[in-house]
Amino acid sequence: MGFLKSGDVINGREGTAFMTIDGRNIPMFFLKNIEATVELTKTEVPVLGKRMTQQKVTGAAGSGSMTIHKVTSEFAKIGISYLKSGKIPDITIKITNDDPQSTVGRQSTLIKNVLFDSIIIAKLDVESETLDEDVDFTFDDADLLEAFTDPKLG
């Protein structure tokens, strides 16, 4: 039996993220962190002869959050464009973990049909040396474009 080598643990700073807005590919150089989660919807299933209630997965919902440095107007443009036109653009986000020290390779995930919960269109903060934004979102589809391989155990 082997063990995981420390070099195979993925460095959270190694990777890339791109946002596609209506076909325009935008490197997310402003990203501090991002996380996307699929939450499973479960239904209780009582079964004759069992004292414990069982669970059945009957659906799912995608949600996420990110923190960005306030150095882009892309989000403000989306919010103001919606105010003027009533249209929300088609948004996808591609996140790639790619630590060159690790033997597990890369993982790339495509998050589809992203909708932001709220959009900050202007911000000032006299108590902050840097401006950041917390952005929550939902999505309704995702693809795993590349998957990690098994680590080479020591």
Protein backbone atom coordinates (compact mmCIF):
# COMPACT_ATOMS: atom_id res chain seq x y z
CA MET A 1 0.00 0.00 0.00
CA GLY A 2 1.38 3.38 -0.99
CA PHE A 3 0.80 6.90 0.22
CA LEU A 4 0.02 10.23 -1.35
CA LYS A 5 3.09 12.35 -2.09
CA SER A 6 2.90 15.97 -0.95
CA GLY A 7 3.82 17.18 -4.44
CA ASP A 8 0.57 15.69 -5.78
CA VAL A 9 -1.63 17.89 -3.60
CA ILE A 10 -2.98 20.57 -5.94
CA ASN A 11 -1.77 24.13 -5.38
CA GLY A 12 -4.87 26.36 -5.40
CA ARG A 13 -2.99 29.13 -7.24
CA GLU A 14 -2.04 26.93 -10.21
CA GLY A 15 -4.61 27.04 -12.96
CA THR A 16 -6.70 29.26 -15.16
CA ALA A 17 -10.27 30.45 -15.47
CA PHE A 18 -12.05 31.89 -18.50
CA MET A 19 -15.50 33.38 -18.77
CA THR A 20 -17.31 33.34 -22.10
CA ILE A 21 -19.97 36.04 -22.51
CA ASP A 22 -22.02 35.67 -25.69
CA GLY A 23 -19.03 34.08 -27.45
CA ARG A 24 -16.37 36.54 -26.16
CA ASN A 25 -13.63 34.68 -24.28
CA ILE A 26 -12.40 36.66 -21.25
CA PRO A 27 -9.42 35.52 -19.13
CA MET A 28 -10.44 35.83 -15.48
CA PHE A 29 -7.15 37.42 -14.34
CA PHE A 30 -9.22 39.30 -11.73
CA LEU A 31 -10.29 36.09 -9.94
CA LYS A 32 -9.31 35.52 -6.30
CA ASN A 33 -11.30 32.31 -5.79
CA ILE A 34 -14.21 30.40 -7.28
CA GLU A 35 -16.24 27.39 -6.25
CA ALA A 36 -19.14 25.66 -8.00
CA THR A 37 -21.32 23.05 -6.28
CA VAL A 38 -24.03 20.64 -7.39
CA GLU A 39 -26.56 20.24 -4.58
CA LEU A 40 -28.60 17.05 -4.78
CA THR A 41 -32.36 17.19 -4.20
CA LYS A 42 -33.47 14.18 -2.20
CA THR A 43 -36.90 12.69 -1.49
CA GLU A 44 -37.62 10.57 1.57
CA VAL A 45 -38.70 7.04 0.72
CA PRO A 46 -40.34 5.06 3.51
CA VAL A 47 -39.92 1.32 3.00
CA LEU A 48 -41.99 -1.45 4.59
CA GLY A 49 -39.95 -3.41 7.11
CA LYS A 50 -37.26 -0.72 7.61
CA ARG A 51 -37.19 1.61 10.57
CA MET A 52 -34.92 4.10 8.85
CA THR A 53 -36.24 6.30 6.06
CA GLN A 54 -34.27 5.92 2.85
CA GLN A 55 -33.36 8.74 0.46
CA LYS A 56 -33.63 8.90 -3.32
CA VAL A 57 -31.93 11.56 -5.43
CA THR A 58 -34.63 13.21 -7.56
CA GLY A 59 -32.88 16.30 -8.93
CA ALA A 60 -30.03 18.74 -8.57
CA ALA A 61 -29.28 22.46 -8.43
CA GLY A 62 -26.03 24.18 -9.34
CA SER A 63 -24.71 27.17 -7.42
CA GLY A 64 -21.41 28.87 -6.91
CA SER A 65 -19.52 31.81 -5.58
CA MET A 66 -16.41 33.74 -6.48
CA THR A 67 -14.46 36.68 -5.17
CA ILE A 68 -12.89 39.01 -7.68
CA HIS A 69 -10.60 42.02 -7.59
CA LYS A 70 -12.58 45.07 -8.81
CA VAL A 71 -10.44 45.63 -11.91
CA THR A 72 -12.96 44.77 -14.63
CA SER A 73 -16.20 46.36 -15.86
CA GLU A 74 -17.51 43.09 -17.38
CA PHE A 75 -19.97 42.52 -14.53
CA ALA A 76 -21.22 46.12 -14.48
CA LYS A 77 -21.75 45.93 -18.26
CA ILE A 78 -23.96 42.84 -17.81
CA GLY A 79 -26.06 44.54 -15.13
CA ILE A 80 -26.51 47.81 -16.98
CA SER A 81 -27.14 46.03 -20.28
CA TYR A 82 -29.96 44.09 -18.62
CA LEU A 83 -31.46 47.33 -17.28
CA LYS A 84 -31.45 48.82 -20.79
CA SER A 85 -32.33 45.79 -22.94
CA GLY A 86 -33.90 43.20 -20.65
CA LYS A 87 -31.41 40.62 -21.95
CA ILE A 88 -28.93 38.49 -20.01
CA PRO A 89 -26.00 37.16 -22.06
CA ASP A 90 -25.11 33.49 -22.38
CA ILE A 91 -22.31 32.92 -19.83
CA THR A 92 -20.04 29.93 -19.29
CA ILE A 93 -17.03 29.63 -17.00
CA LYS A 94 -14.14 27.21 -17.59
CA ILE A 95 -11.98 26.43 -14.56
CA THR A 96 -8.73 24.47 -14.94
CA ASN A 97 -6.59 23.16 -12.09
CA ASP A 98 -3.08 22.67 -13.49
CA ASP A 99 -0.29 22.23 -10.93
CA PRO A 100 2.94 21.32 -12.79
CA GLN A 101 4.39 19.69 -9.64
CA SER A 102 1.59 17.14 -9.41
CA THR A 103 1.55 13.81 -11.26
CA VAL A 104 -2.27 13.84 -11.44
CA GLY A 105 -2.39 16.17 -14.43
CA ARG A 106 -5.14 18.69 -15.10
CA GLN A 107 -8.82 18.98 -14.37
CA SER A 108 -10.98 21.29 -16.49
CA THR A 109 -14.62 21.94 -15.66
CA LEU A 110 -17.05 23.89 -17.82
CA ILE A 111 -19.91 25.56 -15.93
CA LYS A 112 -22.81 26.35 -18.27
CA ASN A 113 -25.73 28.78 -18.28
CA VAL A 114 -24.34 30.91 -15.46
CA LEU A 115 -26.70 33.48 -13.94
CA PHE A 116 -25.40 35.96 -11.37
CA ASP A 117 -27.57 36.45 -8.27
CA SER A 118 -26.72 40.14 -8.10
CA ILE A 119 -24.36 42.46 -9.93
CA ILE A 120 -22.42 45.34 -8.40
CA ILE A 121 -22.37 48.20 -10.91
CA ALA A 122 -20.43 50.71 -8.76
CA LYS A 123 -18.42 50.53 -5.54
CA LEU A 124 -16.28 52.67 -3.25
CA ASP A 125 -14.96 51.77 0.21
CA VAL A 126 -12.90 54.26 2.24
CA GLU A 127 -11.82 51.50 4.66
CA SER A 128 -10.44 49.18 2.02
CA GLU A 129 -7.04 49.36 0.35
CA THR A 130 -8.24 47.10 -2.46
CA LEU A 131 -11.75 46.71 -3.86
CA ASP A 132 -13.10 43.18 -4.08
CA GLU A 133 -16.51 41.82 -5.04
CA ASP A 134 -18.28 38.66 -3.89
CA VAL A 135 -20.32 37.23 -6.74
CA ASP A 136 -22.84 34.43 -6.18
CA PHE A 137 -24.28 32.57 -9.16
CA THR A 138 -26.36 29.63 -10.29
CA PHE A 139 -25.87 27.31 -13.25
CA ASP A 140 -27.85 24.47 -14.79
CA ASP A 141 -25.28 22.31 -16.56
CA ALA A 142 -21.60 21.37 -16.40
CA ASP A 143 -19.07 19.20 -18.23
CA LEU A 144 -15.85 17.66 -16.97
CA LEU A 145 -13.58 18.35 -19.95
CA GLU A 146 -10.41 16.88 -18.40
CA ALA A 147 -10.10 14.69 -15.29
CA PHE A 148 -7.25 14.14 -12.87
CA THR A 149 -5.47 10.80 -13.14
CA ASP A 150 -4.62 8.66 -10.12
CA PRO A 151 -1.51 9.88 -8.28
CA LYS A 152 1.68 7.87 -8.37
CA LEU A 153 1.77 6.54 -4.81
CA GLY A 154 5.00 6.48 -2.83
